[in-house]
N, C-alpha and C. Protein backbone atom coordinates (compact mmCIF):
# COMPACT_ATOMS: atom_id res chain seq x y z
N MET A 1 15.43 -11.08 0.68
CA MET A 1 13.84 -11.63 1.00
C MET A 1 13.48 -11.29 2.44
N PHE A 2 12.49 -11.06 2.91
CA PHE A 2 11.78 -10.63 4.19
C PHE A 2 10.08 -10.95 4.10
N THR A 3 9.68 -10.96 5.47
CA THR A 3 8.38 -12.16 5.78
C THR A 3 7.04 -10.68 5.64
N GLY A 4 7.45 -9.68 6.21
CA GLY A 4 6.57 -8.81 6.93
C GLY A 4 6.21 -8.44 8.08
N ILE A 5 6.88 -9.19 9.04
CA ILE A 5 6.84 -9.21 10.32
C ILE A 5 7.81 -7.98 10.76
N ILE A 6 7.30 -6.83 11.17
CA ILE A 6 8.11 -6.14 11.45
C ILE A 6 9.00 -6.19 12.57
N GLU A 7 10.05 -6.04 12.80
CA GLU A 7 11.18 -5.96 13.92
C GLU A 7 10.96 -5.31 14.87
N THR A 8 10.88 -3.98 14.56
CA THR A 8 11.40 -2.86 15.40
C THR A 8 10.78 -1.49 14.39
N THR A 9 11.06 -0.23 15.29
CA THR A 9 10.75 0.85 14.57
C THR A 9 11.58 1.61 14.91
N GLY A 10 12.44 2.74 13.94
CA GLY A 10 13.44 3.73 14.09
C GLY A 10 12.91 4.92 14.19
N THR A 11 13.89 5.75 14.36
CA THR A 11 13.11 7.58 14.04
C THR A 11 14.31 8.05 13.28
N ILE A 12 13.85 8.63 12.41
CA ILE A 12 14.72 9.63 11.30
C ILE A 12 15.56 10.76 12.15
N ILE A 13 16.80 10.79 12.67
CA ILE A 13 17.44 11.55 13.23
C ILE A 13 17.77 12.57 12.05
N SER A 14 17.80 12.52 10.77
CA SER A 14 18.84 13.62 10.40
C SER A 14 18.54 12.89 8.47
N ILE A 15 18.41 14.05 7.43
CA ILE A 15 17.79 13.73 6.36
C ILE A 15 19.33 14.84 5.48
N GLU A 16 19.63 14.06 4.49
CA GLU A 16 20.63 15.24 3.21
C GLU A 16 20.93 14.74 2.36
N ASN A 17 20.55 15.95 1.26
CA ASN A 17 20.13 15.47 -0.19
C ASN A 17 21.35 15.74 -0.44
N LYS A 18 21.81 14.30 -1.66
CA LYS A 18 23.06 14.39 -2.27
C LYS A 18 22.72 14.02 -3.93
N ASP A 19 22.86 15.14 -4.54
CA ASP A 19 22.81 15.35 -5.83
C ASP A 19 21.07 15.02 -6.08
N SER A 20 20.96 13.81 -6.45
CA SER A 20 19.50 13.33 -6.57
C SER A 20 19.27 12.82 -5.50
N ASN A 21 19.87 11.95 -4.78
CA ASN A 21 19.79 10.91 -3.77
C ASN A 21 19.49 11.55 -2.52
N ARG A 22 18.92 10.77 -1.42
CA ARG A 22 18.57 11.42 -0.20
C ARG A 22 19.31 10.16 0.76
N VAL A 23 20.29 10.86 1.60
CA VAL A 23 20.78 10.54 2.77
C VAL A 23 19.89 10.14 4.03
N PHE A 24 19.67 9.31 4.84
CA PHE A 24 18.77 8.86 6.03
C PHE A 24 19.65 8.31 7.23
N ARG A 25 19.39 9.14 8.47
CA ARG A 25 20.39 8.54 9.69
C ARG A 25 19.14 8.21 10.70
N ILE A 26 18.86 6.52 10.62
CA ILE A 26 17.82 6.55 11.71
C ILE A 26 18.41 5.90 13.20
N ARG A 27 17.58 6.12 14.31
CA ARG A 27 18.12 5.48 15.21
C ARG A 27 17.10 4.59 15.63
N SER A 28 17.24 3.31 16.14
CA SER A 28 16.84 2.26 16.45
C SER A 28 17.49 1.25 17.19
N SER A 29 16.66 0.52 17.93
CA SER A 29 17.18 -0.96 18.63
C SER A 29 18.06 -1.67 18.43
N ILE A 30 18.11 -2.23 17.18
CA ILE A 30 18.54 -2.94 16.12
C ILE A 30 19.85 -2.51 15.32
N SER A 31 20.14 -1.07 15.65
CA SER A 31 20.85 -0.37 14.43
C SER A 31 22.33 -1.16 14.95
N THR A 32 22.99 -1.18 16.30
CA THR A 32 24.03 -1.52 16.88
C THR A 32 24.54 -2.86 16.49
N GLU A 33 23.69 -3.38 15.60
CA GLU A 33 23.44 -5.05 15.20
C GLU A 33 23.71 -5.09 13.83
N LEU A 34 23.53 -3.90 13.41
CA LEU A 34 23.75 -3.95 11.77
C LEU A 34 25.24 -3.26 11.58
N LYS A 35 25.62 -4.04 10.25
CA LYS A 35 27.09 -4.44 9.29
C LYS A 35 26.56 -3.38 8.21
N PRO A 36 27.51 -2.52 7.57
CA PRO A 36 27.41 -2.32 6.36
C PRO A 36 27.06 -2.88 5.09
N ASP A 37 26.60 -2.74 4.49
CA ASP A 37 25.99 -4.05 3.30
C ASP A 37 24.71 -4.62 3.50
N GLN A 38 24.38 -4.29 4.87
CA GLN A 38 23.02 -5.77 5.06
C GLN A 38 22.27 -4.95 4.60
N SER A 39 20.97 -5.54 3.98
CA SER A 39 19.89 -5.27 3.36
C SER A 39 19.05 -5.77 4.27
N VAL A 40 18.08 -3.79 4.74
CA VAL A 40 17.00 -3.86 5.81
C VAL A 40 15.76 -3.58 5.17
N SER A 41 14.63 -3.75 5.39
CA SER A 41 13.50 -3.01 4.82
C SER A 41 13.43 -1.87 5.51
N HIS A 42 13.11 -1.19 4.85
CA HIS A 42 12.35 0.69 5.55
C HIS A 42 11.56 1.13 4.81
N ASN A 43 9.92 0.50 5.97
CA ASN A 43 8.62 0.79 5.68
C ASN A 43 8.22 0.38 4.43
N GLY A 44 9.07 -1.11 3.83
CA GLY A 44 8.97 -2.02 2.97
C GLY A 44 10.00 -1.84 2.17
N VAL A 45 10.79 -0.99 1.96
CA VAL A 45 11.95 -1.13 0.88
C VAL A 45 12.79 -1.23 1.50
N CYS A 46 13.47 -2.30 0.28
CA CYS A 46 14.88 -3.12 0.83
C CYS A 46 16.01 -1.64 0.55
N LEU A 47 16.89 -1.52 1.86
CA LEU A 47 17.57 -0.27 1.29
C LEU A 47 18.61 -0.78 1.98
N THR A 48 20.17 -0.33 1.63
CA THR A 48 21.47 -0.72 2.04
C THR A 48 22.26 -0.34 2.97
N VAL A 49 22.62 -0.75 4.39
CA VAL A 49 23.13 -0.02 5.28
C VAL A 49 24.50 0.33 4.51
N GLU A 50 24.69 1.45 5.32
CA GLU A 50 26.18 2.14 4.77
C GLU A 50 27.15 2.49 5.66
N LYS A 51 26.46 2.90 6.84
CA LYS A 51 27.57 2.85 8.08
C LYS A 51 26.60 3.08 9.27
N VAL A 52 27.38 2.73 10.25
CA VAL A 52 26.47 2.70 11.69
C VAL A 52 27.29 3.66 12.68
N ASP A 53 26.96 4.04 13.19
CA ASP A 53 27.40 4.60 14.69
C ASP A 53 26.93 4.74 16.01
N ASP A 54 27.16 3.86 16.68
CA ASP A 54 26.41 3.21 18.06
C ASP A 54 25.05 2.74 17.34
N ASP A 55 23.85 3.60 18.08
CA ASP A 55 22.59 3.25 17.80
C ASP A 55 21.84 3.79 16.73
N ILE A 56 22.40 4.21 16.08
CA ILE A 56 22.38 5.16 14.48
C ILE A 56 22.84 4.60 13.03
N HIS A 57 21.92 4.03 12.22
CA HIS A 57 22.37 3.67 10.77
C HIS A 57 22.08 4.51 9.54
N GLN A 58 22.83 4.30 8.69
CA GLN A 58 22.45 5.32 7.66
C GLN A 58 22.43 4.42 5.99
N VAL A 59 21.34 5.29 5.50
CA VAL A 59 21.16 4.36 3.86
C VAL A 59 20.79 5.43 3.19
N THR A 60 20.55 5.31 1.91
CA THR A 60 20.51 6.13 1.28
C THR A 60 19.41 5.56 -0.19
N ALA A 61 18.63 6.50 -0.31
CA ALA A 61 17.80 6.09 -1.58
C ALA A 61 17.87 7.28 -2.46
N ILE A 62 17.77 6.20 -4.01
CA ILE A 62 18.00 7.28 -5.07
C ILE A 62 16.96 7.62 -5.48
N HIS A 63 17.06 8.81 -6.73
CA HIS A 63 16.10 9.63 -6.85
C HIS A 63 14.89 8.26 -7.46
N GLU A 64 14.93 7.54 -8.18
CA GLU A 64 13.85 6.93 -8.41
C GLU A 64 12.78 6.25 -7.38
N THR A 65 13.77 5.68 -5.92
CA THR A 65 13.25 4.92 -5.01
C THR A 65 12.28 6.17 -4.05
N LEU A 66 12.86 7.05 -4.37
CA LEU A 66 12.38 8.41 -3.72
C LEU A 66 11.27 9.06 -4.62
N VAL A 67 10.92 8.69 -5.58
CA VAL A 67 9.80 9.36 -6.71
C VAL A 67 8.73 8.05 -6.51
N LYS A 68 8.94 6.44 -6.35
CA LYS A 68 7.82 5.88 -6.29
C LYS A 68 7.70 5.04 -5.01
N THR A 69 7.71 5.97 -3.98
CA THR A 69 7.60 5.41 -2.75
C THR A 69 7.31 6.59 -1.81
N ASN A 70 7.02 6.46 -0.23
CA ASN A 70 6.93 7.54 0.17
C ASN A 70 7.97 8.29 0.77
N LEU A 71 9.07 7.56 0.65
CA LEU A 71 10.26 7.87 0.98
C LEU A 71 10.46 9.44 0.64
N GLY A 72 10.38 9.87 -0.09
CA GLY A 72 10.44 11.32 -0.58
C GLY A 72 9.43 12.34 0.47
N ALA A 73 8.87 11.64 1.33
CA ALA A 73 7.92 12.67 1.78
C ALA A 73 8.44 12.27 3.44
N TRP A 74 9.39 11.75 3.77
CA TRP A 74 9.77 11.46 5.06
C TRP A 74 10.35 12.89 5.66
N LYS A 75 10.62 12.81 6.76
CA LYS A 75 11.10 14.32 7.79
C LYS A 75 11.26 13.59 8.80
N ALA A 76 12.20 14.41 9.70
CA ALA A 76 13.01 14.26 10.94
C ALA A 76 11.90 13.96 11.31
N GLY A 77 11.99 13.12 13.09
CA GLY A 77 10.90 12.49 13.57
C GLY A 77 10.22 11.44 13.26
N ASP A 78 10.41 11.02 12.09
CA ASP A 78 9.08 10.13 11.56
C ASP A 78 9.43 8.74 11.92
N MET A 79 8.73 7.91 12.60
CA MET A 79 8.30 6.98 12.77
C MET A 79 8.89 5.58 11.44
N ILE A 80 9.42 4.71 11.51
CA ILE A 80 10.08 3.90 10.51
C ILE A 80 9.72 2.26 10.65
N ASN A 81 9.09 1.56 10.06
CA ASN A 81 8.90 0.19 10.26
C ASN A 81 10.59 -0.53 9.64
N LEU A 82 10.64 -1.41 10.54
CA LEU A 82 12.30 -1.94 10.25
C LEU A 82 12.29 -3.28 10.00
N GLU A 83 12.55 -4.34 9.27
CA GLU A 83 12.80 -5.46 9.32
C GLU A 83 14.02 -5.83 8.77
N ARG A 84 15.13 -6.59 9.67
CA ARG A 84 16.09 -7.55 8.34
C ARG A 84 15.73 -8.50 7.98
N CYS A 85 16.59 -8.75 6.68
CA CYS A 85 16.20 -9.85 5.89
C CYS A 85 16.25 -11.18 6.64
N LEU A 86 15.27 -11.87 5.87
CA LEU A 86 15.28 -13.51 6.43
C LEU A 86 16.29 -14.50 6.40
N THR A 87 16.58 -15.34 7.55
CA THR A 87 17.41 -15.88 7.52
C THR A 87 17.10 -17.65 7.15
N PRO A 88 18.24 -18.49 6.32
CA PRO A 88 17.83 -19.57 5.95
C PRO A 88 16.14 -20.84 7.04
N ASN A 89 17.05 -20.38 8.34
CA ASN A 89 16.31 -21.63 8.96
C ASN A 89 14.97 -20.22 10.18
N GLY A 90 14.67 -19.28 9.62
CA GLY A 90 13.85 -18.77 9.90
C GLY A 90 12.45 -18.96 9.90
N ARG A 91 11.67 -18.75 10.36
CA ARG A 91 10.13 -18.76 10.40
C ARG A 91 9.45 -18.01 9.42
N LEU A 92 8.79 -18.16 8.39
CA LEU A 92 7.92 -17.29 7.50
C LEU A 92 6.55 -17.19 8.08
N ASP A 93 6.17 -16.23 8.87
CA ASP A 93 5.18 -15.81 10.00
C ASP A 93 4.46 -15.14 8.84
N GLY A 94 5.24 -14.28 7.73
CA GLY A 94 3.84 -13.36 7.30
C GLY A 94 3.90 -14.09 5.80
N HIS A 95 4.61 -13.57 4.88
CA HIS A 95 4.34 -14.00 3.29
C HIS A 95 5.97 -13.31 3.05
N PHE A 96 6.17 -13.94 1.60
CA PHE A 96 7.25 -13.51 0.91
C PHE A 96 7.30 -12.11 0.65
N VAL A 97 8.31 -11.00 1.07
CA VAL A 97 8.46 -9.64 0.69
C VAL A 97 9.80 -9.24 0.09
N GLN A 98 9.90 -9.31 -1.33
CA GLN A 98 11.06 -9.12 -1.53
C GLN A 98 11.62 -7.37 -1.38
N GLY A 99 10.82 -5.91 -0.61
CA GLY A 99 11.45 -5.41 -0.51
C GLY A 99 11.49 -4.27 -1.60
N HIS A 100 10.68 -4.42 -2.70
CA HIS A 100 10.80 -3.75 -4.00
C HIS A 100 9.37 -3.36 -4.07
N VAL A 101 9.17 -2.28 -3.75
CA VAL A 101 8.01 -0.95 -3.43
C VAL A 101 7.27 -1.16 -5.11
N ASP A 102 5.92 -1.77 -5.44
CA ASP A 102 5.30 -1.42 -6.40
C ASP A 102 4.49 -0.04 -6.74
N SER A 103 3.75 0.51 -5.48
CA SER A 103 2.79 1.45 -5.63
C SER A 103 2.68 2.21 -4.53
N THR A 104 1.98 2.92 -4.25
CA THR A 104 1.78 3.88 -2.77
C THR A 104 0.19 3.93 -2.94
N ALA A 105 -0.25 3.80 -2.13
CA ALA A 105 -1.99 3.95 -1.61
C ALA A 105 -2.05 4.95 -0.82
N THR A 106 -2.85 5.33 -0.53
CA THR A 106 -3.76 7.08 0.06
C THR A 106 -4.25 6.04 0.92
N CYS A 107 -4.27 6.43 2.57
CA CYS A 107 -5.15 5.84 3.70
C CYS A 107 -6.47 6.97 3.32
N ILE A 108 -7.58 6.51 3.13
CA ILE A 108 -8.99 7.22 3.06
C ILE A 108 -9.95 7.39 4.39
N GLU A 109 -9.27 6.34 4.89
CA GLU A 109 -10.52 6.11 6.62
C GLU A 109 -9.77 5.82 7.12
N LYS A 110 -9.94 5.61 8.58
CA LYS A 110 -9.29 5.14 9.93
C LYS A 110 -10.28 4.90 10.71
N THR A 111 -11.06 3.49 10.99
CA THR A 111 -11.79 3.74 11.84
C THR A 111 -11.09 2.85 13.33
N VAL A 112 -11.86 3.17 14.24
CA VAL A 112 -11.23 2.87 15.52
C VAL A 112 -12.38 1.93 16.19
N LEU A 113 -12.11 0.69 16.24
CA LEU A 113 -13.08 -0.22 16.86
C LEU A 113 -12.73 -0.47 18.09
N GLU A 114 -13.48 -1.86 18.71
CA GLU A 114 -13.38 -2.18 19.88
C GLU A 114 -12.41 -2.92 19.94
N GLY A 115 -11.37 -2.98 20.53
CA GLY A 115 -9.92 -3.62 20.56
C GLY A 115 -9.34 -3.72 19.14
N SER A 116 -9.24 -2.73 17.76
CA SER A 116 -8.76 -3.21 16.85
C SER A 116 -8.97 -1.74 15.97
N TRP A 117 -8.24 -1.35 15.09
CA TRP A 117 -8.36 -0.28 14.21
C TRP A 117 -8.35 -1.20 12.63
N GLN A 118 -9.30 -0.56 11.77
CA GLN A 118 -9.27 -1.23 10.56
C GLN A 118 -9.30 0.37 9.47
N PHE A 119 -8.33 0.51 8.72
CA PHE A 119 -7.87 1.19 7.67
C PHE A 119 -8.15 1.18 6.37
N ARG A 120 -9.06 2.18 5.54
CA ARG A 120 -9.22 1.73 3.91
C ARG A 120 -8.45 2.48 3.21
N PHE A 121 -8.15 2.18 2.29
CA PHE A 121 -6.95 2.77 1.60
C PHE A 121 -7.47 2.82 -0.19
N GLU A 122 -7.09 3.93 -0.49
CA GLU A 122 -7.01 3.77 -2.24
C GLU A 122 -5.79 3.71 -2.89
N PHE A 123 -5.87 2.70 -3.84
CA PHE A 123 -4.41 2.62 -4.49
C PHE A 123 -4.73 2.63 -6.34
N PRO A 124 -3.71 2.67 -6.81
CA PRO A 124 -3.88 2.90 -8.68
C PRO A 124 -4.95 2.31 -9.31
N GLU A 125 -5.95 2.02 -10.20
CA GLU A 125 -6.68 0.86 -10.58
C GLU A 125 -5.92 0.12 -11.52
N LYS A 126 -4.59 0.45 -11.71
CA LYS A 126 -3.73 -0.68 -13.05
C LYS A 126 -3.73 -1.85 -12.26
N PHE A 127 -3.35 -2.17 -11.33
CA PHE A 127 -3.13 -3.01 -10.15
C PHE A 127 -3.89 -3.67 -9.17
N ALA A 128 -5.30 -3.13 -10.11
CA ALA A 128 -6.65 -4.05 -9.39
C ALA A 128 -6.26 -5.53 -9.40
N ARG A 129 -5.28 -6.10 -11.01
CA ARG A 129 -5.68 -7.42 -10.81
C ARG A 129 -4.79 -8.26 -10.03
N LEU A 130 -3.71 -7.38 -9.02
CA LEU A 130 -3.15 -7.98 -8.41
C LEU A 130 -3.41 -8.08 -6.67
N VAL A 131 -4.58 -7.57 -6.36
CA VAL A 131 -5.40 -7.43 -5.29
C VAL A 131 -6.66 -8.30 -5.12
N ILE A 132 -6.47 -9.26 -4.04
CA ILE A 132 -7.74 -10.38 -4.45
C ILE A 132 -8.30 -10.54 -2.85
N GLU A 133 -9.55 -10.59 -2.69
CA GLU A 133 -10.19 -10.82 -1.25
C GLU A 133 -9.21 -11.71 -0.70
N LYS A 134 -9.00 -11.27 0.79
CA LYS A 134 -8.15 -12.49 1.62
C LYS A 134 -6.91 -12.69 0.92
N GLY A 135 -6.43 -12.06 0.19
CA GLY A 135 -5.10 -12.21 -0.36
C GLY A 135 -4.46 -11.17 0.50
N SER A 136 -2.56 -11.13 0.40
CA SER A 136 -1.88 -10.91 1.24
C SER A 136 -1.19 -9.34 0.44
N ILE A 137 -0.45 -8.47 1.60
CA ILE A 137 -0.21 -7.47 0.81
C ILE A 137 0.91 -6.73 2.04
N ALA A 138 1.80 -5.89 1.25
CA ALA A 138 2.86 -5.68 1.94
C ALA A 138 2.50 -4.17 2.22
N LEU A 139 2.44 -3.54 3.68
CA LEU A 139 1.80 -2.23 3.50
C LEU A 139 3.07 -1.19 4.12
N ASN A 140 3.84 -0.69 3.89
CA ASN A 140 4.40 0.18 4.80
C ASN A 140 5.72 -0.82 5.29
N GLY A 141 5.48 -2.63 4.34
CA GLY A 141 6.76 -3.33 5.09
C GLY A 141 5.92 -4.54 5.61
N ILE A 142 4.74 -4.36 6.60
CA ILE A 142 3.68 -5.20 7.24
C ILE A 142 2.98 -5.54 6.48
N SER A 143 3.10 -7.40 6.90
CA SER A 143 2.22 -8.42 6.00
C SER A 143 1.20 -8.25 6.90
N LEU A 144 -0.15 -8.14 5.72
CA LEU A 144 -1.40 -8.18 6.01
C LEU A 144 -2.30 -8.80 4.90
N THR A 145 -3.45 -8.84 5.40
CA THR A 145 -4.16 -9.67 4.70
C THR A 145 -5.30 -8.28 4.68
N ILE A 146 -5.63 -8.75 3.22
CA ILE A 146 -6.72 -7.55 2.80
C ILE A 146 -8.54 -8.28 2.42
N PHE A 147 -9.60 -7.40 2.35
CA PHE A 147 -10.74 -7.54 2.78
C PHE A 147 -11.07 -6.42 1.76
N ASP A 148 -12.76 -6.24 1.42
CA ASP A 148 -13.48 -5.79 1.36
C ASP A 148 -12.56 -4.83 0.18
N VAL A 149 -12.70 -5.80 -1.03
CA VAL A 149 -11.93 -5.18 -2.04
C VAL A 149 -12.41 -4.95 -3.36
N THR A 150 -12.28 -3.48 -4.00
CA THR A 150 -12.81 -3.10 -5.17
C THR A 150 -11.38 -3.00 -5.95
N ASN A 151 -11.95 -2.60 -7.69
CA ASN A 151 -10.79 -2.15 -8.19
C ASN A 151 -9.75 -1.02 -7.65
N ARG A 152 -10.01 -0.35 -6.89
CA ARG A 152 -9.44 0.69 -6.45
C ARG A 152 -8.89 0.94 -5.19
N GLN A 153 -9.84 0.23 -4.14
CA GLN A 153 -10.10 0.34 -2.63
C GLN A 153 -9.66 -1.31 -2.04
N PHE A 154 -9.40 -1.08 -1.07
CA PHE A 154 -9.09 -2.68 0.30
C PHE A 154 -8.91 -1.93 1.54
N SER A 155 -9.82 -2.84 2.32
CA SER A 155 -9.17 -2.73 3.89
C SER A 155 -8.25 -3.39 4.79
N VAL A 156 -7.84 -3.00 5.79
CA VAL A 156 -7.03 -4.07 6.33
C VAL A 156 -7.39 -3.90 8.25
N ALA A 157 -7.32 -4.71 8.71
CA ALA A 157 -7.46 -4.64 10.40
C ALA A 157 -6.39 -5.21 10.85
N ILE A 158 -6.18 -4.00 11.87
CA ILE A 158 -4.94 -4.12 12.56
C ILE A 158 -5.57 -4.58 14.05
N ILE A 159 -4.38 -5.75 14.47
CA ILE A 159 -4.61 -5.90 16.08
C ILE A 159 -3.52 -5.35 16.93
N PRO A 160 -4.21 -5.13 18.25
CA PRO A 160 -3.44 -4.26 19.11
C PRO A 160 -2.16 -4.25 18.95
N TYR A 161 -1.05 -5.48 19.13
CA TYR A 161 0.25 -5.91 19.20
C TYR A 161 1.02 -4.96 17.63
N THR A 162 0.37 -5.36 16.57
CA THR A 162 0.84 -4.91 15.30
C THR A 162 0.36 -3.14 15.20
N PHE A 163 -0.54 -2.47 15.90
CA PHE A 163 -0.92 -1.01 16.20
C PHE A 163 0.18 -0.73 17.13
N GLU A 164 0.51 -0.81 17.90
CA GLU A 164 1.38 -0.93 19.16
C GLU A 164 3.27 -0.89 18.77
N HIS A 165 3.17 -1.64 17.91
CA HIS A 165 4.89 -2.20 17.46
C HIS A 165 5.43 -2.05 15.73
N THR A 166 4.35 -0.87 15.49
CA THR A 166 4.21 -0.33 14.06
C THR A 166 3.96 1.04 13.74
N ASN A 167 4.22 1.23 12.92
CA ASN A 167 4.18 3.05 12.72
C ASN A 167 2.45 2.94 12.28
N MET A 168 1.50 1.78 12.11
CA MET A 168 0.49 2.05 11.92
C MET A 168 -0.31 3.28 12.93
N GLN A 169 0.48 3.24 14.18
CA GLN A 169 -0.19 4.39 15.58
C GLN A 169 -0.18 5.82 14.50
N ARG A 170 0.67 5.82 13.54
CA ARG A 170 0.56 7.58 13.78
C ARG A 170 0.14 7.45 12.30
N LEU A 171 -0.63 6.56 11.51
CA LEU A 171 -1.42 6.79 10.24
C LEU A 171 -2.54 7.04 10.54
N ASN A 172 -3.06 8.06 9.88
CA ASN A 172 -4.15 8.88 9.31
C ASN A 172 -4.64 8.95 8.27
N ALA A 173 -6.08 9.49 8.07
CA ALA A 173 -6.39 9.77 6.54
C ALA A 173 -5.78 10.63 5.96
N GLY A 174 -5.51 10.19 4.57
CA GLY A 174 -4.59 11.30 3.71
C GLY A 174 -3.12 11.37 3.58
N ASP A 175 -2.56 10.32 4.55
CA ASP A 175 -0.99 9.76 4.49
C ASP A 175 -0.73 8.54 3.45
N ASN A 176 0.08 8.55 2.84
CA ASN A 176 0.22 7.30 1.93
C ASN A 176 1.19 6.47 2.61
N VAL A 177 0.69 5.30 1.91
CA VAL A 177 2.13 3.63 2.21
C VAL A 177 2.84 3.47 1.11
N ASN A 178 3.98 2.82 1.71
CA ASN A 178 4.02 1.49 0.60
C ASN A 178 3.54 0.34 0.27
N LEU A 179 3.27 0.09 -0.84
CA LEU A 179 2.62 -1.20 -1.52
C LEU A 179 3.71 -2.18 -1.93
N GLU A 180 3.52 -3.22 -1.61
CA GLU A 180 4.42 -4.15 -2.45
C GLU A 180 3.10 -5.66 -2.60
N PHE A 181 2.67 -5.75 -3.69
CA PHE A 181 1.77 -6.72 -4.03
C PHE A 181 2.81 -8.00 -4.00
N ASP A 182 2.02 -9.38 -3.73
CA ASP A 182 2.26 -10.81 -3.46
C ASP A 182 2.72 -11.19 -4.69
N MET A 183 4.17 -11.38 -4.27
CA MET A 183 5.21 -11.70 -5.47
C MET A 183 4.29 -13.30 -6.30
N VAL A 184 4.14 -13.91 -5.64
CA VAL A 184 3.54 -15.27 -5.93
C VAL A 184 2.54 -14.97 -6.83
N GLY A 185 1.39 -14.24 -6.72
CA GLY A 185 0.36 -13.81 -7.39
C GLY A 185 0.83 -12.64 -8.93
N LYS A 186 1.81 -12.22 -8.58
CA LYS A 186 2.79 -11.11 -9.72
C LYS A 186 3.09 -12.25 -10.65
N TYR A 187 3.76 -13.36 -10.56
CA TYR A 187 4.19 -14.31 -11.01
C TYR A 187 3.08 -14.99 -11.98
N VAL A 188 1.84 -15.57 -11.43
CA VAL A 188 1.04 -16.26 -12.05
C VAL A 188 0.30 -15.10 -13.17
N VAL A 189 0.14 -13.85 -12.22
CA VAL A 189 -0.69 -12.89 -13.40
C VAL A 189 0.18 -12.88 -14.72
N ARG A 190 1.60 -12.54 -14.42
CA ARG A 190 2.57 -12.41 -15.86
C ARG A 190 2.36 -13.57 -16.25
N GLY A 191 2.25 -14.88 -15.94
CA GLY A 191 2.18 -15.80 -16.68
C GLY A 191 1.58 -16.16 -17.56
N MET A 192 0.10 -15.75 -17.13
CA MET A 192 -1.17 -15.57 -17.39
C MET A 192 -0.99 -14.72 -18.71
N GLU A 193 -0.21 -13.56 -18.64
CA GLU A 193 -0.48 -12.81 -19.68
C GLU A 193 0.14 -12.90 -20.98
N LEU A 194 1.19 -13.70 -20.46
CA LEU A 194 2.45 -14.36 -21.70
C LEU A 194 1.55 -15.84 -22.54
N SER A 195 0.62 -16.22 -21.30
CA SER A 195 0.29 -17.57 -22.38
C SER A 195 -1.07 -16.72 -23.29
N ALA A 196 -1.47 -15.55 -22.75
CA ALA A 196 -3.14 -15.25 -23.63
C ALA A 196 -2.25 -14.99 -25.15
N ASN A 197 -1.05 -14.15 -24.13
CA ASN A 197 -0.55 -13.42 -25.49
C ASN A 197 -0.17 -14.33 -26.75
N ASP A 198 0.67 -15.77 -26.04
CA ASP A 198 0.92 -16.86 -27.19
C ASP A 198 0.24 -17.46 -28.16
N PHE A 199 -1.27 -17.39 -26.82
CA PHE A 199 -2.30 -17.93 -27.61
C PHE A 199 -3.11 -17.28 -28.95
N GLU A 200 -2.89 -15.70 -29.18
CA GLU A 200 -3.16 -14.84 -29.87
C GLU A 200 -2.42 -14.90 -30.94
N ASN A 201 -0.81 -14.95 -30.58
CA ASN A 201 0.19 -15.25 -31.81
C ASN A 201 -0.13 -16.36 -32.72
N ASN A 202 -0.42 -17.32 -32.06
CA ASN A 202 -0.38 -18.83 -32.78
C ASN A 202 -1.95 -18.87 -33.33
N ALA A 203 -2.93 -18.02 -33.08
CA ALA A 203 -3.80 -18.46 -33.67
C ALA A 203 -4.55 -18.47 -35.12
N VAL A 204 -5.07 -19.19 -35.79
CA VAL A 204 -5.13 -19.18 -36.98
C VAL A 204 -6.42 -18.42 -37.36
């Protein structure tokens, strides 16, 4: 479990294809503190640390992860958002994030404002019921509040600290990001769908 509060960023040092999987070696300021079998959020995707070599750690993404996230487009030199899992005594400054990406979204507009940045994204319409005005979303692993919501688009505002300490600084129109919708909202929607089905099935 994660919070969507990014600890640091890492740089992809190398990428190796192994059958249908892809192995990433990433250098970061927290890599020396990691241990094999730990879960770490990489751009919002929960991946298991396999190996640590000084300030570089290694993770592997399977084919399904590569297809459903933006990991398949990663290149050596890319900046990746990193967050270690939430500890029992940790503060929940963001919101509950599982590290299970639901979809990707495309940045369609980047606006530089006075002291902040605004990004607009387009996402698959089938997820519209999970996106609400002023709701929470994990975008490349970052816990953000969305606004100006439609059935296919939403916007986020980025403060200077978040811009400087995440890979939002490298994001431009046309780039894809990983989306994880609010876990609580997904359970609520699922419960309502099941209740509606039960009502229909039991109707006389």
